[in-house]
């Protein structure tokens, strides 16, 4: 059985089917390895969090920059929608003109 949490590992380790004296050290080592790997992954995730190595003012500045970037992207998005709507109108007019000529 594959365990995903520390408590599941402990529960399986203490279960009756895990009491085989030969298997116990193997399973224990396997669980220790899994827990160690998980802890290392958590350390990596925490170290990659934005702003971990920044002062509060640097974090606020980064947030302000992101806000500006988001507003710019939103403006470009709205302009693209407007352009698409204008193109759709032109296509409809062209189709209507083609059918009107027939």
PDB file of N, CA and C in Angstrom:
ATOM      1  N   UNK A   1       0.851  -1.189   0.000  1.00  0.00           N
ATOM      2  CA  UNK A   1       0.000   0.000   0.000  1.00  0.00           C
ATOM      3  C   UNK A   1       0.888   1.241   0.000  1.00  0.00           C
ATOM      4  N   UNK A   2       0.579   2.169  -0.875  1.00  0.00           N
ATOM      5  CA  UNK A   2       1.330   3.415  -0.961  1.00  0.00           C
ATOM      6  C   UNK A   2       0.703   4.430  -0.012  1.00  0.00           C
ATOM      7  N   UNK A   3       1.499   5.019   0.843  1.00  0.00           N
ATOM      8  CA  UNK A   3       0.961   6.008   1.778  1.00  0.00           C
ATOM      9  C   UNK A   3       1.381   7.398   1.336  1.00  0.00           C
ATOM     10  N   UNK A   4       0.515   8.361   1.513  1.00  0.00           N
ATOM     11  CA  UNK A   4       0.765   9.708   1.034  1.00  0.00           C
ATOM     12  C   UNK A   4       0.985  10.718   2.147  1.00  0.00           C
ATOM     13  N   UNK A   5       0.599  10.389   3.345  1.00  0.00           N
ATOM     14  CA  UNK A   5       0.817  11.318   4.445  1.00  0.00           C
ATOM     15  C   UNK A   5       1.601  10.631   5.553  1.00  0.00           C
ATOM     16  N   UNK A   6       2.152  11.443   6.391  1.00  0.00           N
ATOM     17  CA  UNK A   6       2.909  10.933   7.535  1.00  0.00           C
ATOM     18  C   UNK A   6       2.038  10.006   8.375  1.00  0.00           C
ATOM     19  N   UNK A   7       0.785  10.404   8.607  1.00  0.00           N
ATOM     20  CA  UNK A   7      -0.105   9.610   9.446  1.00  0.00           C
ATOM     21  C   UNK A   7      -0.465   8.290   8.787  1.00  0.00           C
ATOM     22  N   UNK A   8      -0.638   8.294   7.467  1.00  0.00           N
ATOM     23  CA  UNK A   8      -0.904   7.038   6.770  1.00  0.00           C
ATOM     24  C   UNK A   8       0.291   6.098   6.884  1.00  0.00           C
ATOM     25  N   UNK A   9       1.486   6.653   6.774  1.00  0.00           N
ATOM     26  CA  UNK A   9       2.695   5.830   6.923  1.00  0.00           C
ATOM     27  C   UNK A   9       2.753   5.207   8.311  1.00  0.00           C
ATOM     28  N   UNK A  10       2.490   6.013   9.332  1.00  0.00           N
ATOM     29  CA  UNK A  10       2.506   5.483  10.702  1.00  0.00           C
ATOM     30  C   UNK A  10       1.427   4.429  10.902  1.00  0.00           C
ATOM     31  N   UNK A  11       0.246   4.699  10.374  1.00  0.00           N
ATOM     32  CA  UNK A  11      -0.856   3.758  10.527  1.00  0.00           C
ATOM     33  C   UNK A  11      -0.505   2.423   9.867  1.00  0.00           C
ATOM     34  N   UNK A  12       0.048   2.478   8.662  1.00  0.00           N
ATOM     35  CA  UNK A  12       0.414   1.237   7.980  1.00  0.00           C
ATOM     36  C   UNK A  12       1.561   0.537   8.691  1.00  0.00           C
ATOM     37  N   UNK A  13       2.503   1.316   9.162  1.00  0.00           N
ATOM     38  CA  UNK A  13       3.651   0.743   9.860  1.00  0.00           C
ATOM     39  C   UNK A  13       3.211  -0.010  11.115  1.00  0.00           C
ATOM     40  N   UNK A  14       2.178   0.492  11.771  1.00  0.00           N
ATOM     41  CA  UNK A  14       1.692  -0.131  13.006  1.00  0.00           C
ATOM     42  C   UNK A  14       0.584  -1.150  12.779  1.00  0.00           C
ATOM     43  N   UNK A  15       0.149  -1.324  11.544  1.00  0.00           N
ATOM     44  CA  UNK A  15      -0.942  -2.258  11.276  1.00  0.00           C
ATOM     45  C   UNK A  15      -0.465  -3.698  11.450  1.00  0.00           C
ATOM     46  N   UNK A  16      -1.422  -4.590  11.594  1.00  0.00           N
ATOM     47  CA  UNK A  16      -1.075  -5.987  11.865  1.00  0.00           C
ATOM     48  C   UNK A  16      -0.353  -6.645  10.696  1.00  0.00           C
ATOM     49  N   UNK A  17      -0.680  -6.267   9.457  1.00  0.00           N
ATOM     50  CA  UNK A  17      -0.016  -6.903   8.321  1.00  0.00           C
ATOM     51  C   UNK A  17       1.399  -6.375   8.124  1.00  0.00           C
ATOM     52  N   UNK A  18       1.767  -5.332   8.851  1.00  0.00           N
ATOM     53  CA  UNK A  18       3.124  -4.793   8.739  1.00  0.00           C
ATOM     54  C   UNK A  18       4.040  -5.312   9.832  1.00  0.00           C
ATOM     55  N   UNK A  19       3.563  -6.235  10.634  1.00  0.00           N
ATOM     56  CA  UNK A  19       4.332  -6.681  11.793  1.00  0.00           C
ATOM     57  C   UNK A  19       5.359  -7.765  11.470  1.00  0.00           C
ATOM     58  N   UNK A  20       5.453  -8.156  10.226  1.00  0.00           N
ATOM     59  CA  UNK A  20       6.469  -9.133   9.835  1.00  0.00           C
ATOM     60  C   UNK A  20       7.835  -8.558  10.185  1.00  0.00           C
ATOM     61  N   UNK A  21       8.563  -9.267  11.023  1.00  0.00           N
ATOM     62  CA  UNK A  21       9.826  -8.734  11.546  1.00  0.00           C
ATOM     63  C   UNK A  21      10.856  -8.459  10.461  1.00  0.00           C
ATOM     64  N   UNK A  22      10.795  -9.182   9.359  1.00  0.00           N
ATOM     65  CA  UNK A  22      11.743  -8.934   8.273  1.00  0.00           C
ATOM     66  C   UNK A  22      11.353  -7.703   7.459  1.00  0.00           C
ATOM     67  N   UNK A  23      10.072  -7.495   7.311  1.00  0.00           N
ATOM     68  CA  UNK A  23       9.579  -6.392   6.487  1.00  0.00           C
ATOM     69  C   UNK A  23       9.572  -5.055   7.216  1.00  0.00           C
ATOM     70  N   UNK A  24       9.497  -5.092   8.526  1.00  0.00           N
ATOM     71  CA  UNK A  24       9.377  -3.859   9.302  1.00  0.00           C
ATOM     72  C   UNK A  24      10.525  -2.877   9.052  1.00  0.00           C
ATOM     73  N   UNK A  25      11.785  -3.282   9.116  1.00  0.00           N
ATOM     74  CA  UNK A  25      12.869  -2.320   8.845  1.00  0.00           C
ATOM     75  C   UNK A  25      12.837  -1.789   7.410  1.00  0.00           C
ATOM     76  N   UNK A  26      12.470  -2.642   6.476  1.00  0.00           N
ATOM     77  CA  UNK A  26      12.393  -2.213   5.072  1.00  0.00           C
ATOM     78  C   UNK A  26      11.313  -1.154   4.918  1.00  0.00           C
ATOM     79  N   UNK A  27      10.127  -1.433   5.468  1.00  0.00           N
ATOM     80  CA  UNK A  27       9.030  -0.469   5.369  1.00  0.00           C
ATOM     81  C   UNK A  27       9.370   0.818   6.106  1.00  0.00           C
ATOM     82  N   UNK A  28       9.989   0.690   7.258  1.00  0.00           N
ATOM     83  CA  UNK A  28      10.355   1.873   8.030  1.00  0.00           C
ATOM     84  C   UNK A  28      11.309   2.747   7.211  1.00  0.00           C
ATOM     85  N   UNK A  29      12.303   2.140   6.608  1.00  0.00           N
ATOM     86  CA  UNK A  29      13.249   2.899   5.779  1.00  0.00           C
ATOM     87  C   UNK A  29      12.560   3.531   4.574  1.00  0.00           C
ATOM     88  N   UNK A  30      11.627   2.796   3.994  1.00  0.00           N
ATOM     89  CA  UNK A  30      10.876   3.332   2.858  1.00  0.00           C
ATOM     90  C   UNK A  30      10.073   4.562   3.282  1.00  0.00           C
ATOM     91  N   UNK A  31       9.419   4.484   4.430  1.00  0.00           N
ATOM     92  CA  UNK A  31       8.619   5.606   4.913  1.00  0.00           C
ATOM     93  C   UNK A  31       9.491   6.799   5.280  1.00  0.00           C
ATOM     94  N   UNK A  32      10.622   6.526   5.884  1.00  0.00           N
ATOM     95  CA  UNK A  32      11.545   7.613   6.226  1.00  0.00           C
ATOM     96  C   UNK A  32      12.015   8.306   4.951  1.00  0.00           C
ATOM     97  N   UNK A  33      12.294   7.533   3.924  1.00  0.00           N
ATOM     98  CA  UNK A  33      12.717   8.113   2.641  1.00  0.00           C
ATOM     99  C   UNK A  33      11.615   8.975   2.044  1.00  0.00           C
ATOM    100  N   UNK A  34      10.383   8.467   2.090  1.00  0.00           N
ATOM    101  CA  UNK A  34       9.254   9.242   1.551  1.00  0.00           C
ATOM    102  C   UNK A  34       9.060  10.548   2.316  1.00  0.00           C
ATOM    103  N   UNK A  35       9.123  10.455   3.632  1.00  0.00           N
ATOM    104  CA  UNK A  35       8.932  11.653   4.456  1.00  0.00           C
ATOM    105  C   UNK A  35      10.052  12.653   4.204  1.00  0.00           C
ATOM    106  N   UNK A  36      11.287  12.165   4.100  1.00  0.00           N
ATOM    107  CA  UNK A  36      12.428  13.045   3.829  1.00  0.00           C
ATOM    108  C   UNK A  36      12.272  13.730   2.482  1.00  0.00           C
ATOM    109  N   UNK A  37      11.865  12.969   1.477  1.00  0.00           N
ATOM    110  CA  UNK A  37      11.650  13.544   0.147  1.00  0.00           C
ATOM    111  C   UNK A  37      10.555  14.608   0.185  1.00  0.00           C
ATOM    112  N   UNK A  38       9.472  14.314   0.881  1.00  0.00           N
ATOM    113  CA  UNK A  38       8.373  15.276   0.992  1.00  0.00           C
ATOM    114  C   UNK A  38       8.833  16.554   1.678  1.00  0.00           C
ATOM    115  N   UNK A  39       9.613  16.423   2.733  1.00  0.00           N
ATOM    116  CA  UNK A  39      10.125  17.607   3.435  1.00  0.00           C
ATOM    117  C   UNK A  39      11.028  18.435   2.531  1.00  0.00           C
ATOM    118  N   UNK A  40      11.855  17.775   1.734  1.00  0.00           N
ATOM    119  CA  UNK A  40      12.716  18.501   0.798  1.00  0.00           C
ATOM    120  C   UNK A  40      11.887  19.234  -0.247  1.00  0.00           C
ATOM    121  N   UNK A  41      10.822  18.577  -0.729  1.00  0.00           N
ATOM    122  CA  UNK A  41       9.942  19.226  -1.701  1.00  0.00           C
ATOM    123  C   UNK A  41       9.270  20.449  -1.085  1.00  0.00           C
ATOM    124  N   UNK A  42       8.849  20.337   0.153  1.00  0.00           N
ATOM    125  CA  UNK A  42       8.222  21.471   0.837  1.00  0.00           C
ATOM    126  C   UNK A  42       9.213  22.620   0.964  1.00  0.00           C
ATOM    127  N   UNK A  43      10.457  22.314   1.313  1.00  0.00           N
ATOM    128  CA  UNK A  43      11.485  23.359   1.419  1.00  0.00           C
ATOM    129  C   UNK A  43      11.675  24.074   0.087  1.00  0.00           C
ATOM    130  N   UNK A  44      11.683  23.320  -1.005  1.00  0.00           N
ATOM    131  CA  UNK A  44      11.831  23.927  -2.332  1.00  0.00           C
ATOM    132  C   UNK A  44      10.637  24.827  -2.622  1.00  0.00           C
ATOM    133  N   UNK A  45       9.426  24.336  -2.349  1.00  0.00           N
ATOM    134  CA  UNK A  45       8.230  25.142  -2.599  1.00  0.00           C
ATOM    135  C   UNK A  45       8.258  26.439  -1.802  1.00  0.00           C
ATOM    136  N   UNK A  46       8.628  26.352  -0.546  1.00  0.00           N
ATOM    137  CA  UNK A  46       8.680  27.544   0.302  1.00  0.00           C
ATOM    138  C   UNK A  46       9.734  28.518  -0.206  1.00  0.00           C
ATOM    139  N   UNK A  47      10.886  28.002  -0.618  1.00  0.00           N
ATOM    140  CA  UNK A  47      11.950  28.893  -1.100  1.00  0.00           C
ATOM    141  C   UNK A  47      11.573  29.582  -2.406  1.00  0.00           C
ATOM    142  N   UNK A  48      10.641  28.978  -3.162  1.00  0.00           N
ATOM    143  CA  UNK A  48      10.231  29.565  -4.435  1.00  0.00           C
ATOM    144  C   UNK A  48       9.028  30.494  -4.308  1.00  0.00           C
ATOM    145  N   UNK A  49       8.499  30.629  -3.109  1.00  0.00           N
ATOM    146  CA  UNK A  49       7.375  31.542  -2.921  1.00  0.00           C
ATOM    147  C   UNK A  49       7.810  32.960  -3.260  1.00  0.00           C
ATOM    148  N   UNK A  50       6.939  33.694  -3.947  1.00  0.00           N
ATOM    149  CA  UNK A  50       7.326  35.067  -4.284  1.00  0.00           C
ATOM    150  C   UNK A  50       7.473  35.915  -3.032  1.00  0.00           C
ATOM    151  N   UNK A  51       8.535  36.694  -2.998  1.00  0.00           N
ATOM    152  CA  UNK A  51       8.732  37.629  -1.910  1.00  0.00           C
ATOM    153  C   UNK A  51       9.414  37.079  -0.681  1.00  0.00           C
ATOM    154  N   UNK A  52       9.810  35.829  -0.695  1.00  0.00           N
ATOM    155  CA  UNK A  52      10.426  35.242   0.496  1.00  0.00           C
ATOM    156  C   UNK A  52      11.719  35.971   0.850  1.00  0.00           C
ATOM    157  N   UNK A  53      12.492  36.340  -0.141  1.00  0.00           N
ATOM    158  CA  UNK A  53      13.778  37.003   0.102  1.00  0.00           C
ATOM    159  C   UNK A  53      13.707  38.504  -0.180  1.00  0.00           C
ATOM    160  N   UNK A  54      12.526  39.091   0.000  1.00  0.00           N
ATOM    161  CA  UNK A  54      12.347  40.517  -0.271  1.00  0.00           C
ATOM    162  C   UNK A  54      11.819  41.227   0.968  1.00  0.00           C
ATOM    163  N   UNK A  55      12.114  42.521   1.028  1.00  0.00           N
ATOM    164  CA  UNK A  55      11.554  43.332   2.108  1.00  0.00           C
ATOM    165  C   UNK A  55      10.096  43.626   1.791  1.00  0.00           C
ATOM    166  N   UNK A  56       9.393  44.154   2.773  1.00  0.00           N
ATOM    167  CA  UNK A  56       7.982  44.476   2.569  1.00  0.00           C
ATOM    168  C   UNK A  56       7.814  45.520   1.468  1.00  0.00           C
ATOM    169  N   UNK A  57       8.688  46.523   1.441  1.00  0.00           N
ATOM    170  CA  UNK A  57       8.580  47.558   0.409  1.00  0.00           C
ATOM    171  C   UNK A  57       8.851  46.973  -0.979  1.00  0.00           C
ATOM    172  N   UNK A  58       9.776  46.022  -1.078  1.00  0.00           N
ATOM    173  CA  UNK A  58      10.035  45.375  -2.364  1.00  0.00           C
ATOM    174  C   UNK A  58       8.830  44.545  -2.806  1.00  0.00           C
ATOM    175  N   UNK A  59       8.194  43.892  -1.848  1.00  0.00           N
ATOM    176  CA  UNK A  59       7.000  43.112  -2.166  1.00  0.00           C
ATOM    177  C   UNK A  59       5.868  44.018  -2.644  1.00  0.00           C
ATOM    178  N   UNK A  60       5.698  45.169  -1.961  1.00  0.00           N
ATOM    179  CA  UNK A  60       4.654  46.107  -2.366  1.00  0.00           C
ATOM    180  C   UNK A  60       4.936  46.673  -3.749  1.00  0.00           C
ATOM    181  N   UNK A  61       6.193  46.950  -4.032  1.00  0.00           N
ATOM    182  CA  UNK A  61       6.578  47.448  -5.351  1.00  0.00           C
ATOM    183  C   UNK A  61       6.301  46.388  -6.423  1.00  0.00           C
ATOM    184  N   UNK A  62       6.615  45.140  -6.114  1.00  0.00           N
ATOM    185  CA  UNK A  62       6.354  44.053  -7.061  1.00  0.00           C
ATOM    186  C   UNK A  62       4.856  43.901  -7.308  1.00  0.00           C
ATOM    187  N   UNK A  63       4.054  44.043  -6.244  1.00  0.00           N
ATOM    188  CA  UNK A  63       2.599  43.978  -6.406  1.00  0.00           C
ATOM    189  C   UNK A  63       2.083  45.129  -7.257  1.00  0.00           C
ATOM    190  N   UNK A  64       2.634  46.318  -7.054  1.00  0.00           N
ATOM    191  CA  UNK A  64       2.225  47.472  -7.857  1.00  0.00           C
ATOM    192  C   UNK A  64       2.583  47.246  -9.324  1.00  0.00           C
ATOM    193  N   UNK A  65       3.761  46.690  -9.580  1.00  0.00           N
ATOM    194  CA  UNK A  65       4.160  46.382 -10.955  1.00  0.00           C
ATOM    195  C   UNK A  65       3.221  45.357 -11.580  1.00  0.00           C
ATOM    196  N   UNK A  66       2.857  44.344 -10.805  1.00  0.00           N
ATOM    197  CA  UNK A  66       1.922  43.338 -11.305  1.00  0.00           C
ATOM    198  C   UNK A  66       0.556  43.946 -11.598  1.00  0.00           C
ATOM    199  N   UNK A  67       0.134  44.872 -10.746  1.00  0.00           N
ATOM    200  CA  UNK A  67      -1.148  45.559 -10.955  1.00  0.00           C
ATOM    201  C   UNK A  67      -1.122  46.327 -12.275  1.00  0.00           C
ATOM    202  N   UNK A  68      -0.029  47.062 -12.526  1.00  0.00           N
ATOM    203  CA  UNK A  68       0.104  47.806 -13.782  1.00  0.00           C
ATOM    204  C   UNK A  68       0.104  46.859 -14.974  1.00  0.00           C
ATOM    205  N   UNK A  69       0.829  45.769 -14.843  1.00  0.00           N
ATOM    206  CA  UNK A  69       0.906  44.784 -15.924  1.00  0.00           C
ATOM    207  C   UNK A  69      -0.470  44.177 -16.196  1.00  0.00           C
ATOM    208  N   UNK A  70      -1.216  43.902 -15.128  1.00  0.00           N
ATOM    209  CA  UNK A  70      -2.553  43.344 -15.278  1.00  0.00           C
ATOM    210  C   UNK A  70      -3.488  44.339 -15.962  1.00  0.00           C
ATOM    211  N   UNK A  71      -3.403  45.616 -15.579  1.00  0.00           N
ATOM    212  CA  UNK A  71      -4.243  46.639 -16.196  1.00  0.00           C
ATOM    213  C   UNK A  71      -3.918  46.786 -17.677  1.00  0.00           C
ATOM    214  N   UNK A  72      -2.632  46.741 -18.019  1.00  0.00           N
ATOM    215  CA  UNK A  72      -2.219  46.829 -19.415  1.00  0.00           C
ATOM    216  C   UNK A  72      -2.757  45.631 -20.206  1.00  0.00           C
ATOM    217  N   UNK A  73      -2.622  44.436 -19.635  1.00  0.00           N
ATOM    218  CA  UNK A  73      -3.110  43.228 -20.302  1.00  0.00           C
ATOM    219  C   UNK A  73      -4.623  43.284 -20.468  1.00  0.00           C
ATOM    220  N   UNK A  74      -5.327  43.793 -19.468  1.00  0.00           N
ATOM    221  CA  UNK A  74      -6.778  43.915 -19.547  1.00  0.00           C
ATOM    222  C   UNK A  74      -7.175  44.900 -20.638  1.00  0.00           C
ATOM    223  N   UNK A  75      -6.454  46.011 -20.740  1.00  0.00           N
ATOM    224  CA  UNK A  75      -6.725  47.002 -21.778  1.00  0.00           C
ATOM    225  C   UNK A  75      -6.513  46.387 -23.164  1.00  0.00           C
ATOM    226  N   UNK A  76      -5.412  45.650 -23.332  1.00  0.00           N
ATOM    227  CA  UNK A  76      -5.142  44.991 -24.609  1.00  0.00           C
ATOM    228  C   UNK A  76      -6.227  43.971 -24.936  1.00  0.00           C
ATOM    229  N   UNK A  77      -6.698  43.263 -23.924  1.00  0.00           N
ATOM    230  CA  UNK A  77      -7.761  42.279 -24.110  1.00  0.00           C
ATOM    231  C   UNK A  77      -9.043  42.956 -24.585  1.00  0.00           C
ATOM    232  N   UNK A  78      -9.416  44.054 -23.931  1.00  0.00           N
ATOM    233  CA  UNK A  78     -10.631  44.771 -24.323  1.00  0.00           C
ATOM    234  C   UNK A  78     -10.504  45.340 -25.735  1.00  0.00           C
ATOM    235  N   UNK A  79      -9.314  45.825 -26.093  1.00  0.00           N
ATOM    236  CA  UNK A  79      -9.086  46.321 -27.447  1.00  0.00           C
ATOM    237  C   UNK A  79      -9.205  45.193 -28.465  1.00  0.00           C
ATOM    238  N   UNK A  80      -8.707  44.024 -28.126  1.00  0.00           N
ATOM    239  CA  UNK A  80      -8.799  42.873 -29.028  1.00  0.00           C
ATOM    240  C   UNK A  80     -10.253  42.455 -29.219  1.00  0.00           C
ATOM    241  N   UNK A  81     -11.035  42.508 -28.154  1.00  0.00           N
ATOM    242  CA  UNK A  81     -12.460  42.179 -28.263  1.00  0.00           C
ATOM    243  C   UNK A  81     -13.159  43.185 -29.169  1.00  0.00           C
ATOM    244  N   UNK A  82     -12.858  44.462 -28.978  1.00  0.00           N
ATOM    245  CA  UNK A  82     -13.465  45.504 -29.809  1.00  0.00           C
ATOM    246  C   UNK A  82     -13.088  45.301 -31.276  1.00  0.00           C
ATOM    247  N   UNK A  83     -11.824  44.989 -31.532  1.00  0.00           N
ATOM    248  CA  UNK A  83     -11.381  44.753 -32.907  1.00  0.00           C
ATOM    249  C   UNK A  83     -12.090  43.533 -33.501  1.00  0.00           C
ATOM    250  N   UNK A  84     -12.251  42.483 -32.707  1.00  0.00           N
ATOM    251  CA  UNK A  84     -12.947  41.285 -33.180  1.00  0.00           C
ATOM    252  C   UNK A  84     -14.403  41.595 -33.505  1.00  0.00           C
ATOM    253  N   UNK A  85     -15.044  42.412 -32.673  1.00  0.00           N
ATOM    254  CA  UNK A  85     -16.434  42.793 -32.938  1.00  0.00           C
ATOM    255  C   UNK A  85     -16.534  43.614 -34.216  1.00  0.00           C
ATOM    256  N   UNK A  86     -15.584  44.532 -34.427  1.00  0.00           N
ATOM    257  CA  UNK A  86     -15.584  45.329 -35.659  1.00  0.00           C
ATOM    258  C   UNK A  86     -15.375  44.443 -36.884  1.00  0.00           C
ATOM    259  N   UNK A  87     -14.460  43.496 -36.784  1.00  0.00           N
ATOM    260  CA  UNK A  87     -14.234  42.572 -37.896  1.00  0.00           C
ATOM    261  C   UNK A  87     -15.475  41.730 -38.163  1.00  0.00           C
ATOM    262  N   UNK A  88     -16.163  41.319 -37.116  1.00  0.00           N
ATOM    263  CA  UNK A  88     -17.395  40.543 -37.274  1.00  0.00           C
ATOM    264  C   UNK A  88     -18.449  41.369 -38.006  1.00  0.00           C
ATOM    265  N   UNK A  89     -18.558  42.643 -37.677  1.00  0.00           N
ATOM    266  CA  UNK A  89     -19.506  43.519 -38.372  1.00  0.00           C
ATOM    267  C   UNK A  89     -19.152  43.625 -39.848  1.00  0.00           C
ATOM    268  N   UNK A  90     -17.858  43.769 -40.143  1.00  0.00           N
ATOM    269  CA  UNK A  90     -17.422  43.872 -41.536  1.00  0.00           C
ATOM    270  C   UNK A  90     -17.735  42.590 -42.302  1.00  0.00           C
ATOM    271  N   UNK A  91     -17.524  41.445 -41.661  1.00  0.00           N
ATOM    272  CA  UNK A  91     -17.827  40.167 -42.310  1.00  0.00           C
ATOM    273  C   UNK A  91     -19.323  40.058 -42.577  1.00  0.00           C
ATOM    274  N   UNK A  92     -20.143  40.429 -41.606  1.00  0.00           N
ATOM    275  CA  UNK A  92     -21.594  40.385 -41.791  1.00  0.00           C
ATOM    276  C   UNK A  92     -22.032  41.304 -42.924  1.00  0.00           C
ATOM    277  N   UNK A  93     -21.453  42.504 -42.972  1.00  0.00           N
ATOM    278  CA  UNK A  93     -21.789  43.444 -44.044  1.00  0.00           C
ATOM    279  C   UNK A  93     -21.370  42.892 -45.401  1.00  0.00           C
ATOM    280  N   UNK A  94     -20.208  42.259 -45.453  1.00  0.00           N
ATOM    281  CA  UNK A  94     -19.739  41.685 -46.713  1.00  0.00           C
ATOM    282  C   UNK A  94     -20.654  40.554 -47.158  1.00  0.00           C
ATOM    283  N   UNK A  95     -21.070  39.714 -46.218  1.00  0.00           N
ATOM    284  CA  UNK A  95     -21.979  38.611 -46.555  1.00  0.00           C
ATOM    285  C   UNK A  95     -23.317  39.158 -47.027  1.00  0.00           C
ATOM    286  N   UNK A  96     -23.828  40.178 -46.341  1.00  0.00           N
ATOM    287  CA  UNK A  96     -25.093  40.781 -46.744  1.00  0.00           C
ATOM    288  C   UNK A  96     -24.977  41.405 -48.130  1.00  0.00           C
ATOM    289  N   UNK A  97     -23.848  42.036 -48.414  1.00  0.00           N
ATOM    290  CA  UNK A  97     -23.637  42.647 -49.729  1.00  0.00           C
ATOM    291  C   UNK A  97     -23.590  41.578 -50.812  1.00  0.00           C
ATOM    292  N   UNK A  98     -22.957  40.449 -50.525  1.00  0.00           N
ATOM    293  CA  UNK A  98     -22.886  39.360 -51.509  1.00  0.00           C
ATOM    294  C   UNK A  98     -24.278  38.828 -51.801  1.00  0.00           C
ATOM    295  N   UNK A  99     -25.086  38.605 -50.758  1.00  0.00           N
ATOM    296  CA  UNK A  99     -26.434  38.085 -50.971  1.00  0.00           C
ATOM    297  C   UNK A  99     -27.348  39.131 -51.602  1.00  0.00           C
ATOM    298  N   UNK A 100     -27.101  40.393 -51.361  1.00  0.00           N
ATOM    299  CA  UNK A 100     -27.919  41.454 -51.954  1.00  0.00           C
ATOM    300  C   UNK A 100     -27.661  41.562 -53.452  1.00  0.00           C
ATOM    301  N   UNK A 101     -26.436  41.269 -53.875  1.00  0.00           N
ATOM    302  CA  UNK A 101     -26.087  41.343 -55.292  1.00  0.00           C
ATOM    303  C   UNK A 101     -26.645  40.170 -56.082  1.00  0.00           C
ATOM    304  N   UNK A 102     -27.020  39.105 -55.450  1.00  0.00           N
ATOM    305  CA  UNK A 102     -27.488  37.919 -56.181  1.00  0.00           C
ATOM    306  C   UNK A 102     -28.919  38.017 -56.527  1.00  0.00           C
TER     307      UNK A 102
END
